[in-house]
C-alpha cells in the first residue's frame, strides 16, 4: 500500500498546521467530540476527509478488497481516535461518514468494499461459518495492522459494522474474538442474515459461553420489520445472547418499521449515538 505512505505524510503536515493554528482541544471519554482548553476559542466542527486507498490483497481469502477512509478534519497532533471498520463500503461508507459529519463525531472510518464476483458469492460465503474465520483473520491480522501503522487509531476502541450478510459476519466476529483480549470492542449488525445458518450460530453462542462467561463488547443489533427484512432472525440472535447471560456484554436491540435496505440510513444516527453514548 505505497499510497498510504504518501497519505500519511500529507496527514502529518495537515496535523501540524492544525496544531499550529491552535484548534481543537481535549476529547470526551468516548473520544468522539472535541472541547477547547480554557481561554481558547473553539473551532467549529469540519466535515471529515474522504479518501480512496489502494486495494488490499489478503493471503487468507485470496482476493483483493478496495478500501476507503474517512479522517477527522480537526485532528490534533499525538491524539488517537476511535475507529470504525465498515463492511460493504461501496454501499454503506458514505451513509456512515455522513452521519459522523452530521453528529460531529471525531472518528476514523475504514471502509472495506467487496471482492466482486458473479452474484457476490464471495461476500456471501465469507460472511458465513466456517469461511468467516478466514475473513476475520484478514481484517484483524492483515488489514488493521497496516491501516493502524499509518493512521492515528486508538486500538482500544475498535468498532465493526455490517449489514445483511456482513451483519451476520459481525455477529460471528463477536463470538470468534479472543475472550481475554478482544480485537473489536463495539459491534453493530444492521438486519443481519442470521437465517443463513441458525443451528451453527446457536452452537457458536453455546461454545463461546462455555469458553468464557465474559464477553466485553458494546453490541447493537438492528432489526427491519417492514415488508422485507430479517427481523425474526435478528430477534432470535438477540434472545440467544441474552439467554447466554454474558458478563460485560452491553447489548442493545433496535427495531424499525423499515425494509431491509433502507433501515441502515434510517437508523444510523440512532445507532452511532447509542454506540458512543
C-alpha atoms as a PDB file:
ATOM      1  CA  UNK A   1       0.000   0.000   0.000  1.00  0.00           C
ATOM      2  CA  UNK A   2       2.579   2.546  -1.176  1.00  0.00           C
ATOM      3  CA  UNK A   3      -0.114   5.258  -1.374  1.00  0.00           C
ATOM      4  CA  UNK A   4      -0.617   5.019   2.408  1.00  0.00           C
ATOM      5  CA  UNK A   5       2.857   6.492   2.966  1.00  0.00           C
ATOM      6  CA  UNK A   6       2.012   9.493   0.792  1.00  0.00           C
ATOM      7  CA  UNK A   7      -1.301   9.938   2.554  1.00  0.00           C
ATOM      8  CA  UNK A   8       0.272   9.604   5.984  1.00  0.00           C
ATOM      9  CA  UNK A   9       2.857  12.293   5.106  1.00  0.00           C
ATOM     10  CA  UNK A  10       0.044  14.554   4.000  1.00  0.00           C
ATOM     11  CA  UNK A  11      -1.808  13.855   7.248  1.00  0.00           C
ATOM     12  CA  UNK A  12       1.233  14.739   9.346  1.00  0.00           C
ATOM     13  CA  UNK A  13       1.635  18.050   7.540  1.00  0.00           C
ATOM     14  CA  UNK A  14      -2.054  18.862   7.920  1.00  0.00           C
ATOM     15  CA  UNK A  15      -1.973  17.869  11.589  1.00  0.00           C
ATOM     16  CA  UNK A  16       0.978  20.181  12.250  1.00  0.00           C
ATOM     17  CA  UNK A  17      -0.828  23.012  10.513  1.00  0.00           C
ATOM     18  CA  UNK A  18      -3.946  22.408  12.572  1.00  0.00           C
ATOM     19  CA  UNK A  19      -1.909  22.252  15.764  1.00  0.00           C
ATOM     20  CA  UNK A  20      -0.055  25.495  15.000  1.00  0.00           C
ATOM     21  CA  UNK A  21      -3.328  27.290  14.360  1.00  0.00           C
ATOM     22  CA  UNK A  22      -4.425  26.365  17.920  1.00  0.00           C
ATOM     23  CA  UNK A  23      -7.565  24.481  17.087  1.00  0.00           C
ATOM     24  CA  UNK A  24      -9.313  21.587  18.826  1.00  0.00           C
ATOM     25  CA  UNK A  25      -8.733  20.531  22.432  1.00  0.00           C
ATOM     26  CA  UNK A  26      -9.277  17.614  24.769  1.00  0.00           C
ATOM     27  CA  UNK A  27     -11.730  14.872  23.912  1.00  0.00           C
ATOM     28  CA  UNK A  28     -14.638  13.439  25.839  1.00  0.00           C
ATOM     29  CA  UNK A  29     -14.443   9.956  27.371  1.00  0.00           C
ATOM     30  CA  UNK A  30     -15.723   8.414  24.156  1.00  0.00           C
ATOM     31  CA  UNK A  31     -13.180  10.306  22.049  1.00  0.00           C
ATOM     32  CA  UNK A  32     -15.881  11.341  19.585  1.00  0.00           C
ATOM     33  CA  UNK A  33     -16.209  15.042  20.388  1.00  0.00           C
ATOM     34  CA  UNK A  34     -13.716  17.806  20.969  1.00  0.00           C
ATOM     35  CA  UNK A  35     -13.573  20.599  23.514  1.00  0.00           C
ATOM     36  CA  UNK A  36     -11.340  23.681  23.678  1.00  0.00           C
ATOM     37  CA  UNK A  37      -8.942  24.400  26.527  1.00  0.00           C
ATOM     38  CA  UNK A  38      -9.717  27.394  28.798  1.00  0.00           C
ATOM     39  CA  UNK A  39      -9.271  30.825  27.209  1.00  0.00           C
ATOM     40  CA  UNK A  40      -9.022  29.340  23.721  1.00  0.00           C
ATOM     41  CA  UNK A  41     -11.603  29.943  21.010  1.00  0.00           C
ATOM     42  CA  UNK A  42     -13.323  26.772  19.788  1.00  0.00           C
ATOM     43  CA  UNK A  43     -13.054  25.839  16.140  1.00  0.00           C
ATOM     44  CA  UNK A  44     -16.299  24.660  14.626  1.00  0.00           C
ATOM     45  CA  UNK A  45     -16.503  21.040  13.545  1.00  0.00           C
ATOM     46  CA  UNK A  46     -15.359  20.477   9.985  1.00  0.00           C
ATOM     47  CA  UNK A  47     -16.559  17.551   7.843  1.00  0.00           C
ATOM     48  CA  UNK A  48     -14.093  14.701   7.579  1.00  0.00           C
ATOM     49  CA  UNK A  49     -11.789  13.977   4.676  1.00  0.00           C
ATOM     50  CA  UNK A  50     -12.755  11.008   2.464  1.00  0.00           C
ATOM     51  CA  UNK A  51     -10.040   9.189   0.532  1.00  0.00           C
ATOM     52  CA  UNK A  52      -9.784   6.149  -1.704  1.00  0.00           C
ATOM     53  CA  UNK A  53      -6.905   3.848  -0.766  1.00  0.00           C
ATOM     54  CA  UNK A  54      -5.150   1.200  -2.797  1.00  0.00           C
ATOM     55  CA  UNK A  55      -6.868  -2.187  -2.784  1.00  0.00           C
ATOM     56  CA  UNK A  56      -5.588  -4.651  -0.179  1.00  0.00           C
ATOM     57  CA  UNK A  57      -4.759  -8.261  -1.076  1.00  0.00           C
ATOM     58  CA  UNK A  58      -5.411 -10.947   1.532  1.00  0.00           C
ATOM     59  CA  UNK A  59      -3.466 -14.175   1.882  1.00  0.00           C
ATOM     60  CA  UNK A  60      -6.324 -15.585   3.981  1.00  0.00           C
ATOM     61  CA  UNK A  61      -9.110 -15.162   1.410  1.00  0.00           C
ATOM     62  CA  UNK A  62      -7.027 -14.992  -1.783  1.00  0.00           C
ATOM     63  CA  UNK A  63      -8.620 -11.825  -3.179  1.00  0.00           C
ATOM     64  CA  UNK A  64      -8.193  -8.043  -3.057  1.00  0.00           C
ATOM     65  CA  UNK A  65     -10.568  -5.583  -1.387  1.00  0.00           C
ATOM     66  CA  UNK A  66     -10.907  -1.907  -2.388  1.00  0.00           C
ATOM     67  CA  UNK A  67     -10.592   0.435   0.601  1.00  0.00           C
ATOM     68  CA  UNK A  68     -11.821   3.872   1.628  1.00  0.00           C
ATOM     69  CA  UNK A  69     -11.020   6.003   4.661  1.00  0.00           C
ATOM     70  CA  UNK A  70     -12.649   8.952   6.434  1.00  0.00           C
ATOM     71  CA  UNK A  71     -10.403  11.104   8.631  1.00  0.00           C
ATOM     72  CA  UNK A  72     -11.491  13.771  11.128  1.00  0.00           C
ATOM     73  CA  UNK A  73     -10.603  17.204   9.757  1.00  0.00           C
ATOM     74  CA  UNK A  74      -9.920  18.744  13.182  1.00  0.00           C
ATOM     75  CA  UNK A  75      -7.151  16.303  14.001  1.00  0.00           C
ATOM     76  CA  UNK A  76      -4.844  17.087  16.912  1.00  0.00           C
ATOM     77  CA  UNK A  77      -1.164  16.137  16.965  1.00  0.00           C
ATOM     78  CA  UNK A  78      -0.424  12.993  19.012  1.00  0.00           C
ATOM     79  CA  UNK A  79      -4.127  12.291  19.547  1.00  0.00           C
ATOM     80  CA  UNK A  80      -5.584   8.906  18.589  1.00  0.00           C
ATOM     81  CA  UNK A  81      -9.180   8.377  17.513  1.00  0.00           C
ATOM     82  CA  UNK A  82     -11.804   5.637  17.756  1.00  0.00           C
ATOM     83  CA  UNK A  83     -12.058   3.643  14.540  1.00  0.00           C
ATOM     84  CA  UNK A  84     -14.960   2.018  12.738  1.00  0.00           C
ATOM     85  CA  UNK A  85     -14.371  -0.730  10.190  1.00  0.00           C
ATOM     86  CA  UNK A  86     -17.455  -0.772   7.975  1.00  0.00           C
ATOM     87  CA  UNK A  87     -18.022  -3.672   5.573  1.00  0.00           C
ATOM     88  CA  UNK A  88     -19.928  -3.403   2.267  1.00  0.00           C
ATOM     89  CA  UNK A  89     -18.288   0.010   1.980  1.00  0.00           C
ATOM     90  CA  UNK A  90     -19.344   0.556  -1.625  1.00  0.00           C
ATOM     91  CA  UNK A  91     -22.906   0.838  -0.276  1.00  0.00           C
ATOM     92  CA  UNK A  92     -22.502   1.858   3.404  1.00  0.00           C
ATOM     93  CA  UNK A  93     -19.378   4.037   3.673  1.00  0.00           C
ATOM     94  CA  UNK A  94     -20.950   7.361   2.707  1.00  0.00           C
ATOM     95  CA  UNK A  95     -24.012   6.722   4.876  1.00  0.00           C
ATOM     96  CA  UNK A  96     -21.835   6.214   7.965  1.00  0.00           C
ATOM     97  CA  UNK A  97     -19.500   9.095   7.057  1.00  0.00           C
ATOM     98  CA  UNK A  98     -22.446  11.459   6.529  1.00  0.00           C
ATOM     99  CA  UNK A  99     -23.766  10.552   9.972  1.00  0.00           C
ATOM    100  CA  UNK A 100     -20.355  11.156  11.574  1.00  0.00           C
ATOM    101  CA  UNK A 101     -20.341  14.599   9.965  1.00  0.00           C
ATOM    102  CA  UNK A 102     -23.933  15.379  10.948  1.00  0.00           C
ATOM    103  CA  UNK A 103     -23.349  14.294  14.549  1.00  0.00           C
ATOM    104  CA  UNK A 104     -19.936  15.985  14.776  1.00  0.00           C
ATOM    105  CA  UNK A 105     -18.114  12.804  15.769  1.00  0.00           C
ATOM    106  CA  UNK A 106     -14.328  12.674  15.525  1.00  0.00           C
ATOM    107  CA  UNK A 107     -13.964   9.037  14.461  1.00  0.00           C
ATOM    108  CA  UNK A 108     -11.805   7.369  11.802  1.00  0.00           C
ATOM    109  CA  UNK A 109     -13.861   5.278   9.380  1.00  0.00           C
ATOM    110  CA  UNK A 110     -12.252   2.493   7.338  1.00  0.00           C
ATOM    111  CA  UNK A 111     -14.416   1.161   4.534  1.00  0.00           C
ATOM    112  CA  UNK A 112     -13.844  -2.365   3.216  1.00  0.00           C
ATOM    113  CA  UNK A 113     -15.508  -2.921  -0.150  1.00  0.00           C
ATOM    114  CA  UNK A 114     -16.324  -6.341  -1.555  1.00  0.00           C
ATOM    115  CA  UNK A 115     -14.487  -8.538  -3.975  1.00  0.00           C
ATOM    116  CA  UNK A 116     -16.926  -8.535  -6.871  1.00  0.00           C
ATOM    117  CA  UNK A 117     -17.690 -11.875  -8.456  1.00  0.00           C
ATOM    118  CA  UNK A 118     -20.880 -13.238 -10.006  1.00  0.00           C
ATOM    119  CA  UNK A 119     -23.751 -12.789  -7.571  1.00  0.00           C
ATOM    120  CA  UNK A 120     -21.340 -11.627  -4.842  1.00  0.00           C
ATOM    121  CA  UNK A 121     -20.793 -15.274  -3.928  1.00  0.00           C
ATOM    122  CA  UNK A 122     -17.504 -14.486  -2.216  1.00  0.00           C
ATOM    123  CA  UNK A 123     -19.219 -11.976   0.077  1.00  0.00           C
ATOM    124  CA  UNK A 124     -21.916 -14.494   0.958  1.00  0.00           C
ATOM    125  CA  UNK A 125     -19.518 -17.387   1.599  1.00  0.00           C
ATOM    126  CA  UNK A 126     -17.032 -15.426   3.692  1.00  0.00           C
ATOM    127  CA  UNK A 127     -19.780 -13.893   5.827  1.00  0.00           C
ATOM    128  CA  UNK A 128     -20.853 -17.371   6.955  1.00  0.00           C
ATOM    129  CA  UNK A 129     -19.297 -20.095   9.044  1.00  0.00           C
ATOM    130  CA  UNK A 130     -16.692 -21.519   8.571  1.00  0.00           C
ATOM    131  CA  UNK A 131     -15.092 -19.223   5.947  1.00  0.00           C
ATOM    132  CA  UNK A 132     -15.915 -16.263   8.190  1.00  0.00           C
ATOM    133  CA  UNK A 133     -12.853 -17.302  10.213  1.00  0.00           C
ATOM    134  CA  UNK A 134     -10.598 -16.505   7.240  1.00  0.00           C
ATOM    135  CA  UNK A 135     -12.305 -13.163   6.616  1.00  0.00           C
ATOM    136  CA  UNK A 136     -11.942 -12.287  10.300  1.00  0.00           C
ATOM    137  CA  UNK A 137      -8.233 -13.134  10.171  1.00  0.00           C
ATOM    138  CA  UNK A 138      -7.841 -10.947   7.079  1.00  0.00           C
ATOM    139  CA  UNK A 139      -9.326  -7.964   8.932  1.00  0.00           C
ATOM    140  CA  UNK A 140      -7.549  -8.298  12.257  1.00  0.00           C
ATOM    141  CA  UNK A 141      -4.218  -9.818  11.186  1.00  0.00           C
ATOM    142  CA  UNK A 142      -3.593  -8.188   7.802  1.00  0.00           C
ATOM    143  CA  UNK A 143      -5.733  -5.130   7.135  1.00  0.00           C
ATOM    144  CA  UNK A 144      -5.995  -3.472  10.546  1.00  0.00           C
ATOM    145  CA  UNK A 145      -2.272  -3.652  11.418  1.00  0.00           C
ATOM    146  CA  UNK A 146      -1.444  -1.987   8.089  1.00  0.00           C
ATOM    147  CA  UNK A 147      -4.073   0.740   8.498  1.00  0.00           C
ATOM    148  CA  UNK A 148      -3.220   1.390  12.123  1.00  0.00           C
ATOM    149  CA  UNK A 149       0.503   1.682  11.373  1.00  0.00           C
ATOM    150  CA  UNK A 150      -0.245   4.708   9.188  1.00  0.00           C
ATOM    151  CA  UNK A 151      -3.217   6.414  10.811  1.00  0.00           C
ATOM    152  CA  UNK A 152      -3.811   7.626  14.418  1.00  0.00           C
ATOM    153  CA  UNK A 153      -6.143   4.850  15.579  1.00  0.00           C
ATOM    154  CA  UNK A 154      -7.000   4.246  19.234  1.00  0.00           C
ATOM    155  CA  UNK A 155      -6.564   0.496  19.277  1.00  0.00           C
ATOM    156  CA  UNK A 156      -8.587   0.055  22.462  1.00  0.00           C
ATOM    157  CA  UNK A 157     -11.703   1.414  20.730  1.00  0.00           C
ATOM    158  CA  UNK A 158     -12.382  -0.503  17.527  1.00  0.00           C
ATOM    159  CA  UNK A 159     -15.882  -0.975  16.056  1.00  0.00           C
ATOM    160  CA  UNK A 160     -17.008  -3.278  13.246  1.00  0.00           C
ATOM    161  CA  UNK A 161     -20.225  -2.634  11.312  1.00  0.00           C
ATOM    162  CA  UNK A 162     -22.016  -4.808   8.772  1.00  0.00           C
ATOM    163  CA  UNK A 163     -25.418  -5.172   7.096  1.00  0.00           C
ATOM    164  CA  UNK A 164     -27.300  -8.220   5.831  1.00  0.00           C
ATOM    165  CA  UNK A 165     -24.700 -10.935   5.114  1.00  0.00           C
ATOM    166  CA  UNK A 166     -21.926  -8.881   6.660  1.00  0.00           C
ATOM    167  CA  UNK A 167     -24.306  -8.153   9.540  1.00  0.00           C
ATOM    168  CA  UNK A 168     -24.282 -11.905  10.144  1.00  0.00           C
ATOM    169  CA  UNK A 169     -20.491 -11.780   9.975  1.00  0.00           C
ATOM    170  CA  UNK A 170     -20.409  -9.100  12.697  1.00  0.00           C
ATOM    171  CA  UNK A 171     -22.357 -11.457  14.962  1.00  0.00           C
ATOM    172  CA  UNK A 172     -19.873 -14.231  14.232  1.00  0.00           C
ATOM    173  CA  UNK A 173     -16.929 -11.872  14.828  1.00  0.00           C
ATOM    174  CA  UNK A 174     -18.380 -11.105  18.259  1.00  0.00           C
ATOM    175  CA  UNK A 175     -18.284 -14.832  19.076  1.00  0.00           C
ATOM    176  CA  UNK A 176     -14.953 -15.629  17.367  1.00  0.00           C
ATOM    177  CA  UNK A 177     -12.904 -12.917  19.048  1.00  0.00           C
ATOM    178  CA  UNK A 178     -10.388 -13.588  21.801  1.00  0.00           C
ATOM    179  CA  UNK A 179     -12.190 -13.674  25.183  1.00  0.00           C
ATOM    180  CA  UNK A 180      -9.247 -12.166  27.078  1.00  0.00           C
ATOM    181  CA  UNK A 181      -8.016  -9.620  24.535  1.00  0.00           C
ATOM    182  CA  UNK A 182     -10.807  -8.917  22.031  1.00  0.00           C
ATOM    183  CA  UNK A 183      -9.770  -7.142  18.863  1.00  0.00           C
ATOM    184  CA  UNK A 184     -13.108  -5.331  18.466  1.00  0.00           C
ATOM    185  CA  UNK A 185     -14.796  -3.569  21.368  1.00  0.00           C
ATOM    186  CA  UNK A 186     -18.034  -2.482  19.645  1.00  0.00           C
ATOM    187  CA  UNK A 187     -20.169  -4.437  17.185  1.00  0.00           C
ATOM    188  CA  UNK A 188     -23.060  -3.205  15.017  1.00  0.00           C
ATOM    189  CA  UNK A 189     -25.183  -5.560  12.916  1.00  0.00           C
ATOM    190  CA  UNK A 190     -27.826  -3.987  10.676  1.00  0.00           C
ATOM    191  CA  UNK A 191     -30.573  -6.548   9.928  1.00  0.00           C
ATOM    192  CA  UNK A 192     -28.085  -9.413   9.859  1.00  0.00           C
ATOM    193  CA  UNK A 193     -28.829 -12.529   7.786  1.00  0.00           C
ATOM    194  CA  UNK A 194     -28.909 -14.852  10.797  1.00  0.00           C
ATOM    195  CA  UNK A 195     -31.287 -17.131   8.886  1.00  0.00           C
ATOM    196  CA  UNK A 196     -28.295 -18.398   6.875  1.00  0.00           C
ATOM    197  CA  UNK A 197     -27.237 -20.980   9.471  1.00  0.00           C
ATOM    198  CA  UNK A 198     -29.381 -20.860  12.582  1.00  0.00           C
ATOM    199  CA  UNK A 199     -28.041 -24.085  14.111  1.00  0.00           C
ATOM    200  CA  UNK A 200     -24.399 -23.132  13.552  1.00  0.00           C
ATOM    201  CA  UNK A 201     -24.966 -19.697  15.075  1.00  0.00           C
ATOM    202  CA  UNK A 202     -26.692 -21.162  18.103  1.00  0.00           C
ATOM    203  CA  UNK A 203     -23.829 -23.626  18.572  1.00  0.00           C
ATOM    204  CA  UNK A 204     -21.274 -20.811  18.319  1.00  0.00           C
ATOM    205  CA  UNK A 205     -23.100 -18.904  21.071  1.00  0.00           C
ATOM    206  CA  UNK A 206     -23.043 -22.018  23.289  1.00  0.00           C
ATOM    207  CA  UNK A 207     -19.380 -22.718  22.527  1.00  0.00           C
ATOM    208  CA  UNK A 208     -18.415 -19.133  23.306  1.00  0.00           C
ATOM    209  CA  UNK A 209     -20.341 -19.249  26.592  1.00  0.00           C
ATOM    210  CA  UNK A 210     -18.568 -22.480  27.548  1.00  0.00           C
ATOM    211  CA  UNK A 211     -15.227 -20.886  26.736  1.00  0.00           C
ATOM    212  CA  UNK A 212     -15.808 -17.821  28.924  1.00  0.00           C
ATOM    213  CA  UNK A 213     -18.713 -16.028  30.555  1.00  0.00           C
ATOM    214  CA  UNK A 214     -17.033 -12.685  29.832  1.00  0.00           C
ATOM    215  CA  UNK A 215     -17.915 -11.034  26.517  1.00  0.00           C
ATOM    216  CA  UNK A 216     -16.672  -7.468  26.598  1.00  0.00           C
ATOM    217  CA  UNK A 217     -18.480  -5.537  23.875  1.00  0.00           C
ATOM    218  CA  UNK A 218     -20.985  -2.817  23.274  1.00  0.00           C
ATOM    219  CA  UNK A 219     -23.172  -4.572  20.704  1.00  0.00           C
ATOM    220  CA  UNK A 220     -26.075  -3.088  18.760  1.00  0.00           C
ATOM    221  CA  UNK A 221     -28.447  -5.266  16.750  1.00  0.00           C
ATOM    222  CA  UNK A 222     -30.855  -3.573  14.337  1.00  0.00           C
ATOM    223  CA  UNK A 223     -33.925  -5.369  13.031  1.00  0.00           C
ATOM    224  CA  UNK A 224     -36.022  -4.320   9.999  1.00  0.00           C
ATOM    225  CA  UNK A 225     -39.685  -5.256  10.408  1.00  0.00           C
ATOM    226  CA  UNK A 226     -41.009  -3.823   7.149  1.00  0.00           C
ATOM    227  CA  UNK A 227     -42.306  -5.923   4.269  1.00  0.00           C
ATOM    228  CA  UNK A 228     -38.790  -7.231   3.602  1.00  0.00           C
ATOM    229  CA  UNK A 229     -36.414  -7.859   6.494  1.00  0.00           C
ATOM    230  CA  UNK A 230     -34.661 -10.304   8.782  1.00  0.00           C
ATOM    231  CA  UNK A 231     -36.283  -9.121  11.988  1.00  0.00           C
ATOM    232  CA  UNK A 232     -37.392 -12.542  13.271  1.00  0.00           C
ATOM    233  CA  UNK A 233     -33.869 -13.917  12.987  1.00  0.00           C
ATOM    234  CA  UNK A 234     -32.289 -10.801  14.481  1.00  0.00           C
ATOM    235  CA  UNK A 235     -34.670 -11.054  17.440  1.00  0.00           C
ATOM    236  CA  UNK A 236     -33.684 -14.696  17.906  1.00  0.00           C
ATOM    237  CA  UNK A 237     -29.969 -13.866  17.893  1.00  0.00           C
ATOM    238  CA  UNK A 238     -30.623 -11.129  20.444  1.00  0.00           C
ATOM    239  CA  UNK A 239     -32.503 -13.676  22.587  1.00  0.00           C
ATOM    240  CA  UNK A 240     -29.662 -16.196  22.317  1.00  0.00           C
ATOM    241  CA  UNK A 241     -27.136 -13.636  23.533  1.00  0.00           C
ATOM    242  CA  UNK A 242     -29.469 -12.578  26.346  1.00  0.00           C
ATOM    243  CA  UNK A 243     -30.054 -16.174  27.479  1.00  0.00           C
ATOM    244  CA  UNK A 244     -26.322 -16.837  27.483  1.00  0.00           C
ATOM    245  CA  UNK A 245     -26.074 -14.178  30.205  1.00  0.00           C
ATOM    246  CA  UNK A 246     -22.606 -12.968  29.251  1.00  0.00           C
ATOM    247  CA  UNK A 247     -20.965 -10.573  31.659  1.00  0.00           C
ATOM    248  CA  UNK A 248     -19.653  -7.232  30.315  1.00  0.00           C
ATOM    249  CA  UNK A 249     -21.857  -7.511  27.222  1.00  0.00           C
ATOM    250  CA  UNK A 250     -23.647  -4.195  26.714  1.00  0.00           C
ATOM    251  CA  UNK A 251     -26.377  -5.370  24.319  1.00  0.00           C
ATOM    252  CA  UNK A 252     -28.852  -3.019  22.630  1.00  0.00           C
ATOM    253  CA  UNK A 253     -31.625  -4.156  20.297  1.00  0.00           C
ATOM    254  CA  UNK A 254     -33.242  -1.584  17.994  1.00  0.00           C
ATOM    255  CA  UNK A 255     -36.166  -2.321  15.685  1.00  0.00           C
ATOM    256  CA  UNK A 256     -37.613  -0.142  12.932  1.00  0.00           C
ATOM    257  CA  UNK A 257     -40.616  -0.401  10.631  1.00  0.00           C
ATOM    258  CA  UNK A 258     -38.369  -0.241   7.598  1.00  0.00           C
ATOM    259  CA  UNK A 259     -37.398  -2.602   4.817  1.00  0.00           C
ATOM    260  CA  UNK A 260     -34.087  -4.427   4.757  1.00  0.00           C
ATOM    261  CA  UNK A 261     -32.081  -1.928   2.670  1.00  0.00           C
ATOM    262  CA  UNK A 262     -33.335   1.486   3.887  1.00  0.00           C
ATOM    263  CA  UNK A 263     -33.110   0.515   7.570  1.00  0.00           C
ATOM    264  CA  UNK A 264     -29.398   1.420   7.595  1.00  0.00           C
ATOM    265  CA  UNK A 265     -29.820   5.054   6.555  1.00  0.00           C
ATOM    266  CA  UNK A 266     -32.963   5.344   8.687  1.00  0.00           C
ATOM    267  CA  UNK A 267     -31.302   4.155  11.909  1.00  0.00           C
ATOM    268  CA  UNK A 268     -27.653   5.147  11.561  1.00  0.00           C
ATOM    269  CA  UNK A 269     -27.904   8.341  13.643  1.00  0.00           C
ATOM    270  CA  UNK A 270     -29.584   6.435  16.479  1.00  0.00           C
ATOM    271  CA  UNK A 271     -27.003   3.686  16.243  1.00  0.00           C
ATOM    272  CA  UNK A 272     -23.963   5.961  16.390  1.00  0.00           C
ATOM    273  CA  UNK A 273     -25.469   7.914  19.276  1.00  0.00           C
ATOM    274  CA  UNK A 274     -26.054   4.673  21.184  1.00  0.00           C
ATOM    275  CA  UNK A 275     -22.636   3.337  20.211  1.00  0.00           C
ATOM    276  CA  UNK A 276     -20.763   6.334  21.644  1.00  0.00           C
ATOM    277  CA  UNK A 277     -23.219   7.412  24.329  1.00  0.00           C
END
